[in-house]
C-alpha atoms as a PDB file:
ATOM      1  CA  GLY A   1       0.205  -0.452   0.275  1.00  0.00           C
ATOM      2  CA  THR A   2       3.270   2.498   0.127  1.00  0.00           C
ATOM      3  CA  ASP A   3       1.919   5.923  -1.764  1.00  0.00           C
ATOM      4  CA  LEU A   4      -1.350   4.319  -2.663  1.00  0.00           C
ATOM      5  CA  LYS A   5      -3.705   7.810  -2.904  1.00  0.00           C
ATOM      6  CA  LYS A   6      -7.099   9.229  -3.262  1.00  0.00           C
ATOM      7  CA  GLY A   7      -8.121   8.523  -7.068  1.00  0.00           C
ATOM      8  CA  ASP A   8      -5.342   5.999  -7.782  1.00  0.00           C
ATOM      9  CA  VAL A   9      -7.125   3.306  -9.918  1.00  0.00           C
ATOM     10  CA  PHE A  10      -5.660  -0.312 -10.304  1.00  0.00           C
ATOM     11  CA  GLU A  11      -6.592  -2.264 -14.101  1.00  0.00           C
ATOM     12  CA  THR A  12      -6.934  -5.489 -13.891  1.00  0.00           C
ATOM     13  CA  PRO A  13      -7.607  -7.535 -17.426  1.00  0.00           C
ATOM     14  CA  MET A  14     -10.995  -9.309 -17.030  1.00  0.00           C
ATOM     15  CA  SER A  15     -11.474 -13.040 -19.089  1.00  0.00           C
ATOM     16  CA  ALA A  16     -14.206 -13.474 -21.995  1.00  0.00           C
ATOM     17  CA  GLY A  17     -15.037 -16.636 -20.380  1.00  0.00           C
ATOM     18  CA  PHE A  18     -17.126 -14.116 -18.151  1.00  0.00           C
ATOM     19  CA  ASP A  19     -20.661 -12.030 -18.963  1.00  0.00           C
ATOM     20  CA  SER A  20     -23.174 -10.024 -16.955  1.00  0.00           C
ATOM     21  CA  MET A  21     -26.624  -8.616 -18.365  1.00  0.00           C
ATOM     22  CA  ASN A  22     -25.569  -5.030 -16.465  1.00  0.00           C
ATOM     23  CA  LYS A  23     -22.058  -4.500 -18.412  1.00  0.00           C
ATOM     24  CA  VAL A  24     -20.913  -2.430 -15.853  1.00  0.00           C
ATOM     25  CA  VAL A  25     -21.051  -3.797 -12.267  1.00  0.00           C
ATOM     26  CA  THR A  26     -19.884  -1.153  -9.795  1.00  0.00           C
ATOM     27  CA  THR A  27     -19.361  -2.059  -6.050  1.00  0.00           C
ATOM     28  CA  SER A  28     -17.759  -0.412  -3.053  1.00  0.00           C
ATOM     29  CA  PHE A  29     -14.855  -2.157  -1.171  1.00  0.00           C
ATOM     30  CA  GLY A  30     -13.312  -1.756   2.448  1.00  0.00           C
ATOM     31  CA  ASN A  31     -13.607  -3.259   5.633  1.00  0.00           C
ATOM     32  CA  SER A  32     -14.920  -2.980   8.915  1.00  0.00           C
ATOM     33  CA  ALA A  33     -12.897   0.280  10.308  1.00  0.00           C
ATOM     34  CA  ASN A  34     -12.820   1.535   6.541  1.00  0.00           C
ATOM     35  CA  PRO A  35     -15.935   0.482   4.867  1.00  0.00           C
ATOM     36  CA  ASN A  36     -15.637   3.055   2.139  1.00  0.00           C
ATOM     37  CA  MET A  37     -12.023   2.516   0.570  1.00  0.00           C
ATOM     38  CA  GLY A  38     -12.972   2.003  -2.897  1.00  0.00           C
ATOM     39  CA  ILE A  39     -14.800   1.887  -5.725  1.00  0.00           C
ATOM     40  CA  LEU A  40     -14.379  -1.418  -8.131  1.00  0.00           C
ATOM     41  CA  VAL A  41     -15.905  -1.380 -11.449  1.00  0.00           C
ATOM     42  CA  LEU A  42     -15.874  -4.565 -13.443  1.00  0.00           C
ATOM     43  CA  ASP A  43     -16.436  -3.402 -17.372  1.00  0.00           C
ATOM     44  CA  TYR A  44     -17.371  -6.162 -19.373  1.00  0.00           C
ATOM     45  CA  ASN A  45     -17.483  -3.952 -22.486  1.00  0.00           C
ATOM     46  CA  GLN A  46     -13.635  -3.364 -22.170  1.00  0.00           C
ATOM     47  CA  ARG A  47     -13.323  -6.768 -20.227  1.00  0.00           C
ATOM     48  CA  LYS A  48     -11.471  -4.644 -17.230  1.00  0.00           C
ATOM     49  CA  ILE A  49     -11.616  -4.797 -14.036  1.00  0.00           C
ATOM     50  CA  PHE A  50     -10.686  -1.432 -11.887  1.00  0.00           C
ATOM     51  CA  ALA A  51     -10.668  -0.581  -8.890  1.00  0.00           C
ATOM     52  CA  GLU A  52     -10.473   2.897  -7.397  1.00  0.00           C
ATOM     53  CA  PHE A  53      -9.212   3.919  -4.113  1.00  0.00           C
ATOM     54  CA  THR A  54     -11.395   6.610  -2.270  1.00  0.00           C
ATOM     55  CA  GLN A  55      -8.919   7.217   0.475  1.00  0.00           C
ATOM     56  CA  ASP A  56      -5.477   7.515   1.419  1.00  0.00           C
ATOM     57  CA  ILE A  57      -3.989   3.959   1.902  1.00  0.00           C
ATOM     58  CA  ASP A  58      -1.496   4.612   5.391  1.00  0.00           C
ATOM     59  CA  PRO A  59       1.454   2.239   4.205  1.00  0.00           C
ATOM     60  CA  ASN A  60       1.901   0.561   8.006  1.00  0.00           C
ATOM     61  CA  LYS A  61      -1.421  -0.771   8.441  1.00  0.00           C
ATOM     62  CA  ILE A  62      -2.381  -3.913   7.015  1.00  0.00           C
ATOM     63  CA  TYR A  63      -5.906  -4.375   5.393  1.00  0.00           C
ATOM     64  CA  SER A  64      -7.643  -7.167   4.801  1.00  0.00           C
ATOM     65  CA  GLY A  65     -11.535  -7.817   3.666  1.00  0.00           C
ATOM     66  CA  THR A  66     -13.246  -9.710   1.016  1.00  0.00           C
ATOM     67  CA  ILE A  67     -15.598  -8.804  -1.814  1.00  0.00           C
ATOM     68  CA  ASN A  68     -18.643 -10.822  -3.265  1.00  0.00           C
ATOM     69  CA  VAL A  69     -19.500  -9.828  -6.362  1.00  0.00           C
ATOM     70  CA  GLY A  70     -21.580 -12.088  -8.792  1.00  0.00           C
ATOM     71  CA  THR A  71     -20.600 -12.308 -12.173  1.00  0.00           C
ATOM     72  CA  PHE A  72     -22.054 -15.101 -14.925  1.00  0.00           C
ATOM     73  CA  VAL A  73     -19.796 -17.770 -16.815  1.00  0.00           C
ATOM     74  CA  ASN A  74     -20.293 -17.160 -20.895  1.00  0.00           C
ATOM     75  CA  ARG A  75     -21.737 -20.103 -22.218  1.00  0.00           C
ATOM     76  CA  ASP A  76     -20.664 -19.513 -25.436  1.00  0.00           C
ATOM     77  CA  TYR A  77     -17.226 -19.082 -24.536  1.00  0.00           C
ATOM     78  CA  TYR A  78     -17.121 -22.738 -23.702  1.00  0.00           C
ATOM     79  CA  LYS A  79     -19.076 -24.104 -25.874  1.00  0.00           C
ATOM     80  CA  ASN A  80     -16.345 -23.956 -28.355  1.00  0.00           C
ATOM     81  CA  TYR A  81     -13.937 -23.929 -26.008  1.00  0.00           C
ATOM     82  CA  VAL A  82     -11.051 -27.045 -27.508  1.00  0.00           C
ATOM     83  CA  ASN A  83     -10.096 -28.912 -24.324  1.00  0.00           C
ATOM     84  CA  GLU A  84      -8.685 -32.018 -26.085  1.00  0.00           C
ATOM     85  CA  THR A  85      -4.935 -32.467 -26.056  1.00  0.00           C
ATOM     86  CA  THR A  86      -2.672 -35.122 -27.433  1.00  0.00           C
ATOM     87  CA  ILE A  87       0.180 -36.699 -26.025  1.00  0.00           C
ATOM     88  CA  LYS A  88       2.477 -39.265 -28.058  1.00  0.00           C
ATOM     89  CA  ILE A  89       3.415 -41.587 -25.197  1.00  0.00           C
ATOM     90  CA  PRO A  90       7.104 -43.765 -26.930  1.00  0.00           C
ATOM     91  CA  LYS A  91       6.765 -47.304 -26.480  1.00  0.00           C
ATOM     92  CA  VAL A  92       9.891 -48.811 -25.404  1.00  0.00           C
ATOM     93  CA  ASP A  93      10.912 -49.835 -28.871  1.00  0.00           C
ATOM     94  CA  GLY A  94      11.141 -46.282 -29.722  1.00  0.00           C
ATOM     95  CA  SER A  95       7.906 -46.204 -32.029  1.00  0.00           C
END
């Protein structure tokens, strides 16, 4: 948390395997001591997850918490997913 300030944003790619009817889902995050530490945005249009801090983070503290966000698995993404692998195991004679 060193040098994390109000307004800083982490951007993380989102797997194409997830989808939602709501294309931009926003929820706040924090813990019992600091319930409004930031905002989490799942942007299905850009395929990115944004975590924006709404307050400065004290680098001398350890923060922990849980975020529960519902999302859906995109059925079409896995319908065409090839999960077959061919492995050639050599016999003792080398064939």
